[in-house]
Amino acid sequence: MVLNKKLNRVIKCNVLFLIVACMVSFKKNKENDTGINGPAMDGTASSIYPMAAKENEARRNTQCTNNKTVSYGAIIRGDSTIKNIALVFTGDEFADGGDFIDSVLQSKNMNGSFFLTGNFYSNQQFKNLIIRLKGHGNYLGPHSDKHLLYCDWIKRDSLLITKEAFKNDLQAAYKKLRQFSIGKNDAHYFLPPYEWHNDSIASWTKEMGLQLINFTPGTRSNADYTYPEQESRYVSSDSVFNSILNYEQKSSGGLNGFILLTHIGTDPRRTDKFYYKLPALIDTLKSRKYRFVTIDKLLQ
């Protein structure tokens, strides 16, 4: 009897040790992958948590206001009764898809919405691309200045930035936008770095006279930055493409009002570039009577 009790205590201790070890390992991997408050692969997070759990959390913390879906103070979907979609492209350090995306949008007689960091706007190699995107009627907005992580991945209400630092960073981003004759009135919407925020970030954004937005969860479109070396986290372009069309078929609201987010460029280690599938995606969705609009028109 005594031996059994001791054995049970040993088993419980071992189980507890394994649980703690797994939690510590998870946290280290998360911090190493995302590079807290530093640049990351083209402006989105690469950790396990945001690849899965943040979409689930977004669905649990949503409400509808004026036919728009809001999560943690950010608009994440337009009117779900109208077949409008906003193609949104974010970028930080990579722009390899820029010329191709621009040519596709022109050939399809449509515009996209580009949310780029201050790093991107100040990169001289990207200057001509930015000028062309603006000249062709696309929406250009901010994705922060230095691509900072605002809040903890797991404890979302735990801020990793002060209000002053947040405002200084966003003001610096708009200063770089002004170099392209884009002011706050032209770029009223702000998409947070890593596509990750909380209520405080939304509130501070509102205090600056701006509106926070984020992508619509449900598809794997925002995973188009992953690359094979990430193993189980890698999502192929075929998988991304199919996830969008499968969601459109299975969801009662289809892709109505969707903020469909992909990237203007990705790490060179990803050779399977999703932006090459844009022509087929656009044609397919147009055949299903969807209309592509810029973010300001989607949310007006």
Protein backbone atom coordinates (compact mmCIF):
# COMPACT_ATOMS: atom_id res chain seq x y z
CA MET A 1 0.00 0.00 0.00
CA VAL A 2 2.80 2.39 0.98
CA LEU A 3 4.74 1.36 -2.11
CA ASN A 4 1.74 2.14 -4.33
CA LYS A 5 1.38 5.60 -2.80
CA LYS A 6 5.06 6.36 -3.38
CA LEU A 7 4.81 5.10 -6.94
CA ASN A 8 1.79 7.34 -7.58
CA ARG A 9 3.68 10.35 -6.22
CA VAL A 10 6.64 9.60 -8.50
CA ILE A 11 4.35 9.27 -11.53
CA LYS A 12 2.58 12.55 -10.72
CA CYS A 13 5.91 14.37 -10.31
CA ASN A 14 7.18 13.03 -13.63
CA VAL A 15 4.00 14.07 -15.42
CA LEU A 16 4.19 17.55 -13.89
CA PHE A 17 7.83 17.83 -14.90
CA LEU A 18 6.99 16.90 -18.50
CA ILE A 19 4.16 19.46 -18.64
CA VAL A 20 6.42 22.24 -17.37
CA ALA A 21 9.23 21.22 -19.71
CA CYS A 22 6.86 21.33 -22.69
CA MET A 23 5.59 24.77 -21.70
CA VAL A 24 9.13 26.14 -21.36
CA SER A 25 10.15 24.61 -24.70
CA PHE A 26 7.03 26.08 -26.38
CA LYS A 27 7.74 29.55 -25.03
CA LYS A 28 11.38 29.46 -26.14
CA ASN A 29 10.43 28.30 -29.62
CA LYS A 30 7.81 31.02 -29.86
CA GLU A 31 10.24 33.77 -28.85
CA ASN A 32 12.99 32.47 -31.13
CA ASP A 33 10.65 32.21 -34.11
CA THR A 34 8.98 35.59 -33.82
CA GLY A 35 11.97 37.67 -32.77
CA ILE A 36 10.11 39.78 -30.23
CA ASN A 37 10.15 43.47 -31.15
CA GLY A 38 12.46 42.92 -34.06
CA PRO A 39 11.96 42.32 -37.78
CA ALA A 40 10.54 38.98 -38.87
CA MET A 41 9.87 37.27 -42.16
CA ASP A 42 8.17 39.93 -44.30
CA GLY A 43 6.10 41.26 -41.46
CA THR A 44 4.25 38.31 -40.06
CA ALA A 45 4.84 35.94 -37.19
CA SER A 46 6.23 32.47 -37.68
CA SER A 47 5.45 30.88 -34.34
CA ILE A 48 3.19 27.90 -33.77
CA TYR A 49 0.72 29.88 -31.69
CA PRO A 50 -0.32 32.53 -34.24
CA MET A 51 -0.52 29.95 -37.03
CA ALA A 52 -3.46 28.25 -35.35
CA ALA A 53 -4.65 29.56 -32.03
CA LYS A 54 -4.98 33.23 -32.90
CA GLU A 55 -7.60 32.45 -35.55
CA ASN A 56 -9.60 30.40 -33.06
CA GLU A 57 -9.36 33.18 -30.48
CA ALA A 58 -10.43 35.77 -33.04
CA ARG A 59 -13.58 33.77 -33.73
CA ARG A 60 -14.42 33.53 -30.03
CA ASN A 61 -14.01 37.25 -29.40
CA THR A 62 -16.04 38.84 -32.15
CA GLN A 63 -19.10 41.01 -32.38
CA CYS A 64 -21.00 42.61 -35.22
CA THR A 65 -21.32 46.38 -35.42
CA ASN A 66 -22.96 48.14 -38.37
CA ASN A 67 -22.74 44.94 -40.46
CA LYS A 68 -18.98 44.70 -39.75
CA THR A 69 -17.24 42.08 -37.66
CA VAL A 70 -15.01 43.41 -34.88
CA SER A 71 -12.45 41.55 -32.77
CA TYR A 72 -10.56 43.23 -29.92
CA GLY A 73 -11.53 46.62 -31.33
CA ALA A 74 -10.28 45.90 -34.87
CA ILE A 75 -12.56 45.44 -37.86
CA ILE A 76 -11.82 42.00 -39.27
CA ARG A 77 -14.62 41.70 -41.83
CA GLY A 78 -16.86 43.97 -43.86
CA ASP A 79 -20.54 43.44 -44.64
CA SER A 80 -21.08 39.68 -44.80
CA THR A 81 -24.24 40.10 -46.86
CA ILE A 82 -22.44 41.69 -49.84
CA LYS A 83 -20.11 39.79 -52.20
CA ASN A 84 -17.20 42.21 -51.84
CA ILE A 85 -13.61 41.16 -51.04
CA ALA A 86 -10.57 43.29 -50.22
CA LEU A 87 -7.27 41.78 -51.29
CA VAL A 88 -4.76 42.97 -48.68
CA PHE A 89 -1.00 42.65 -48.98
CA THR A 90 1.38 43.30 -46.09
CA GLY A 91 5.12 43.79 -46.31
CA ASP A 92 8.22 44.59 -44.32
CA GLU A 93 11.56 43.38 -45.69
CA PHE A 94 10.55 41.49 -48.85
CA ALA A 95 8.93 42.76 -52.06
CA ASP A 96 9.68 40.02 -54.58
CA GLY A 97 6.03 39.71 -55.59
CA GLY A 98 5.41 43.44 -55.97
CA ASP A 99 5.84 43.79 -59.73
CA PHE A 100 3.87 40.65 -60.49
CA ILE A 101 1.02 41.57 -58.14
CA ASP A 102 0.85 45.07 -59.61
CA SER A 103 0.67 43.69 -63.16
CA VAL A 104 -2.05 41.18 -62.21
CA LEU A 105 -4.19 43.84 -60.58
CA GLN A 106 -3.82 46.07 -63.62
CA SER A 107 -4.67 43.29 -66.04
CA LYS A 108 -7.78 42.41 -64.01
CA ASN A 109 -8.82 46.07 -63.84
CA MET A 110 -8.89 46.08 -60.04
CA ASN A 111 -7.01 47.45 -57.05
CA GLY A 112 -5.54 46.02 -53.90
CA SER A 113 -4.73 47.40 -50.46
CA PHE A 114 -1.10 47.43 -49.33
CA PHE A 115 -0.10 47.80 -45.68
CA LEU A 116 3.64 48.29 -45.49
CA THR A 117 6.03 49.08 -42.65
CA GLY A 118 8.19 52.15 -42.36
CA ASN A 119 11.10 49.83 -43.12
CA PHE A 120 9.45 49.08 -46.46
CA TYR A 121 8.55 52.68 -47.29
CA SER A 122 12.11 53.85 -46.54
CA ASN A 123 13.80 51.09 -48.56
CA GLN A 124 15.14 52.78 -51.68
CA GLN A 125 14.98 49.51 -53.61
CA PHE A 126 11.19 49.55 -53.18
CA LYS A 127 10.64 53.24 -53.97
CA ASN A 128 9.68 52.86 -57.64
CA LEU A 129 7.34 49.98 -56.81
CA ILE A 130 5.54 52.07 -54.19
CA ILE A 131 5.17 54.96 -56.65
CA ARG A 132 3.68 52.60 -59.26
CA LEU A 133 1.29 50.98 -56.79
CA LYS A 134 0.02 54.40 -55.72
CA GLY A 135 -0.16 55.67 -59.29
CA HIS A 136 -2.26 52.68 -60.33
CA GLY A 137 -4.92 53.51 -57.75
CA ASN A 138 -4.12 51.00 -55.02
CA TYR A 139 -4.70 51.78 -51.34
CA LEU A 140 -1.48 52.27 -49.38
CA GLY A 141 -1.47 52.29 -45.58
CA PRO A 142 0.75 51.63 -42.53
CA HIS A 143 1.83 48.34 -40.98
CA SER A 144 3.78 50.15 -38.20
CA ASP A 145 7.25 51.63 -38.60
CA LYS A 146 9.66 49.08 -37.15
CA HIS A 147 7.38 46.03 -37.01
CA LEU A 148 7.11 45.68 -33.25
CA LEU A 149 5.24 42.94 -31.42
CA TYR A 150 2.61 44.74 -29.34
CA CYS A 151 1.33 42.04 -26.99
CA ASP A 152 2.15 38.57 -25.75
CA TRP A 153 1.12 35.66 -27.98
CA ILE A 154 -0.51 33.72 -25.17
CA LYS A 155 -1.41 36.38 -22.59
CA ARG A 156 -2.94 38.69 -25.14
CA ASP A 157 -3.81 41.38 -22.59
CA SER A 158 -0.12 41.65 -21.61
CA LEU A 159 1.36 44.56 -23.53
CA LEU A 160 4.98 44.48 -24.73
CA ILE A 161 5.01 48.16 -25.65
CA THR A 162 4.11 51.42 -23.90
CA LYS A 163 1.49 53.80 -25.20
CA GLU A 164 4.17 56.40 -25.92
CA ALA A 165 6.35 53.94 -27.83
CA PHE A 166 3.34 52.75 -29.81
CA LYS A 167 2.33 56.25 -30.83
CA ASN A 168 5.90 57.29 -31.65
CA ASP A 169 6.34 54.25 -33.87
CA LEU A 170 3.06 54.78 -35.73
CA GLN A 171 3.74 58.49 -36.17
CA ALA A 172 7.13 57.60 -37.63
CA ALA A 173 5.37 55.30 -40.10
CA TYR A 174 3.06 58.10 -41.25
CA LYS A 175 6.05 60.40 -41.63
CA LYS A 176 7.44 57.96 -44.17
CA LEU A 177 4.05 57.69 -45.87
CA ARG A 178 4.06 61.48 -46.33
CA GLN A 179 7.16 61.12 -48.51
CA PHE A 180 4.78 59.56 -51.03
CA SER A 181 2.12 62.25 -50.49
CA ILE A 182 -0.02 59.92 -48.38
CA GLY A 183 -1.55 61.48 -45.27
CA LYS A 184 -3.75 60.16 -42.49
CA ASN A 185 -6.87 61.14 -44.40
CA ASP A 186 -5.68 58.97 -47.29
CA ALA A 187 -4.65 56.09 -45.02
CA HIS A 188 -7.22 56.01 -42.23
CA TYR A 189 -6.89 52.25 -41.67
CA PHE A 190 -3.99 50.66 -39.83
CA LEU A 191 -3.11 46.95 -39.90
CA PRO A 192 -0.93 45.91 -36.93
CA PRO A 193 2.42 44.15 -37.31
CA TYR A 194 2.32 40.38 -36.94
CA GLU A 195 -1.46 40.80 -37.43
CA TRP A 196 -1.65 40.73 -33.62
CA HIS A 197 -3.20 43.27 -31.26
CA ASN A 198 -5.45 43.69 -28.24
CA ASP A 199 -8.08 46.15 -27.00
CA SER A 200 -5.45 48.62 -25.80
CA ILE A 201 -3.84 48.83 -29.25
CA ALA A 202 -7.27 49.40 -30.81
CA SER A 203 -8.02 52.14 -28.28
CA TRP A 204 -4.69 53.89 -28.82
CA THR A 205 -5.21 53.69 -32.58
CA LYS A 206 -8.61 55.33 -32.19
CA GLU A 207 -7.10 58.12 -30.06
CA MET A 208 -4.88 58.93 -33.04
CA GLY A 209 -7.95 59.31 -35.26
CA LEU A 210 -7.39 56.00 -37.03
CA GLN A 211 -9.18 52.67 -37.33
CA LEU A 212 -7.47 49.37 -36.60
CA ILE A 213 -8.21 46.47 -38.97
CA ASN A 214 -7.02 42.89 -39.30
CA PHE A 215 -7.49 39.91 -41.62
CA THR A 216 -10.61 37.77 -41.70
CA PRO A 217 -9.87 34.35 -40.15
CA GLY A 218 -10.99 31.08 -41.72
CA THR A 219 -8.53 30.45 -44.58
CA ARG A 220 -4.78 29.85 -44.70
CA SER A 221 -4.09 32.88 -46.90
CA ASN A 222 -1.93 34.58 -44.27
CA ALA A 223 0.34 31.49 -44.11
CA ASP A 224 1.74 32.16 -47.59
CA TYR A 225 5.01 33.36 -45.99
CA THR A 226 5.98 29.94 -44.57
CA TYR A 227 8.81 27.89 -46.07
CA PRO A 228 9.68 24.16 -46.13
CA GLU A 229 12.37 24.38 -43.45
CA GLN A 230 9.60 25.15 -40.97
CA GLU A 231 8.42 21.58 -41.49
CA SER A 232 4.92 21.07 -40.03
CA ARG A 233 4.25 24.81 -40.08
CA TYR A 234 4.81 25.05 -43.82
CA VAL A 235 1.68 25.60 -45.92
CA SER A 236 2.03 25.09 -49.67
CA SER A 237 0.48 27.48 -52.17
CA ASP A 238 -1.90 24.75 -53.33
CA SER A 239 -3.07 24.32 -49.72
CA VAL A 240 -3.54 28.07 -49.35
CA PHE A 241 -5.47 28.26 -52.61
CA ASN A 242 -7.71 25.31 -51.74
CA SER A 243 -8.38 26.61 -48.23
CA ILE A 244 -9.81 29.82 -49.67
CA LEU A 245 -12.10 28.08 -52.14
CA ASN A 246 -13.14 25.43 -49.60
CA TYR A 247 -14.10 28.11 -47.09
CA GLU A 248 -16.07 29.94 -49.76
CA GLN A 249 -18.03 26.77 -50.51
CA LYS A 250 -18.65 25.62 -46.94
CA SER A 251 -19.33 28.90 -45.12
CA SER A 252 -22.90 30.22 -45.23
CA GLY A 253 -21.58 33.72 -45.88
CA GLY A 254 -18.92 32.60 -48.32
CA LEU A 255 -16.18 35.19 -48.61
CA ASN A 256 -18.57 38.13 -48.36
CA GLY A 257 -16.86 41.12 -46.76
CA PHE A 258 -13.55 39.26 -46.47
CA ILE A 259 -10.26 40.98 -45.73
CA LEU A 260 -8.12 38.39 -47.53
CA LEU A 261 -4.52 38.87 -46.45
CA THR A 262 -1.40 37.65 -48.25
CA HIS A 263 2.10 39.10 -48.61
CA ILE A 264 3.81 41.29 -51.16
CA GLY A 265 7.00 39.29 -50.71
CA THR A 266 8.29 36.29 -48.80
CA ASP A 267 11.52 34.71 -47.61
CA PRO A 268 13.69 33.38 -50.49
CA ARG A 269 13.51 29.95 -48.85
CA ARG A 270 9.91 29.81 -50.04
CA THR A 271 10.16 29.11 -53.75
CA ASP A 272 6.48 28.13 -54.05
CA LYS A 273 5.18 31.71 -54.24
CA PHE A 274 1.46 32.05 -53.68
CA TYR A 275 1.17 35.32 -55.59
CA TYR A 276 1.58 33.36 -58.83
CA LYS A 277 -1.82 31.82 -58.09
CA LEU A 278 -3.54 35.20 -57.83
CA PRO A 279 -4.76 35.26 -61.47
CA ALA A 280 -6.51 31.89 -61.07
CA LEU A 281 -7.91 32.86 -57.66
CA ILE A 282 -9.28 36.17 -58.93
CA ASP A 283 -10.82 34.58 -62.03
CA THR A 284 -12.45 31.83 -59.97
CA LEU A 285 -13.94 34.22 -57.44
CA LYS A 286 -15.10 36.64 -60.12
CA SER A 287 -16.90 33.74 -61.80
CA ARG A 288 -18.71 33.27 -58.49
CA LYS A 289 -19.88 36.89 -58.65
CA TYR A 290 -17.45 38.41 -56.15
CA ARG A 291 -16.29 41.99 -56.58
CA PHE A 292 -12.82 43.10 -55.51
CA VAL A 293 -12.57 46.48 -53.80
CA THR A 294 -10.02 48.40 -51.75
CA ILE A 295 -10.24 48.34 -47.98
CA ASP A 296 -11.75 51.82 -47.72
CA LYS A 297 -14.57 50.85 -50.07
CA LEU A 298 -15.12 47.53 -48.30
CA LEU A 299 -15.58 49.26 -44.95
CA GLN A 300 -17.30 52.48 -46.00
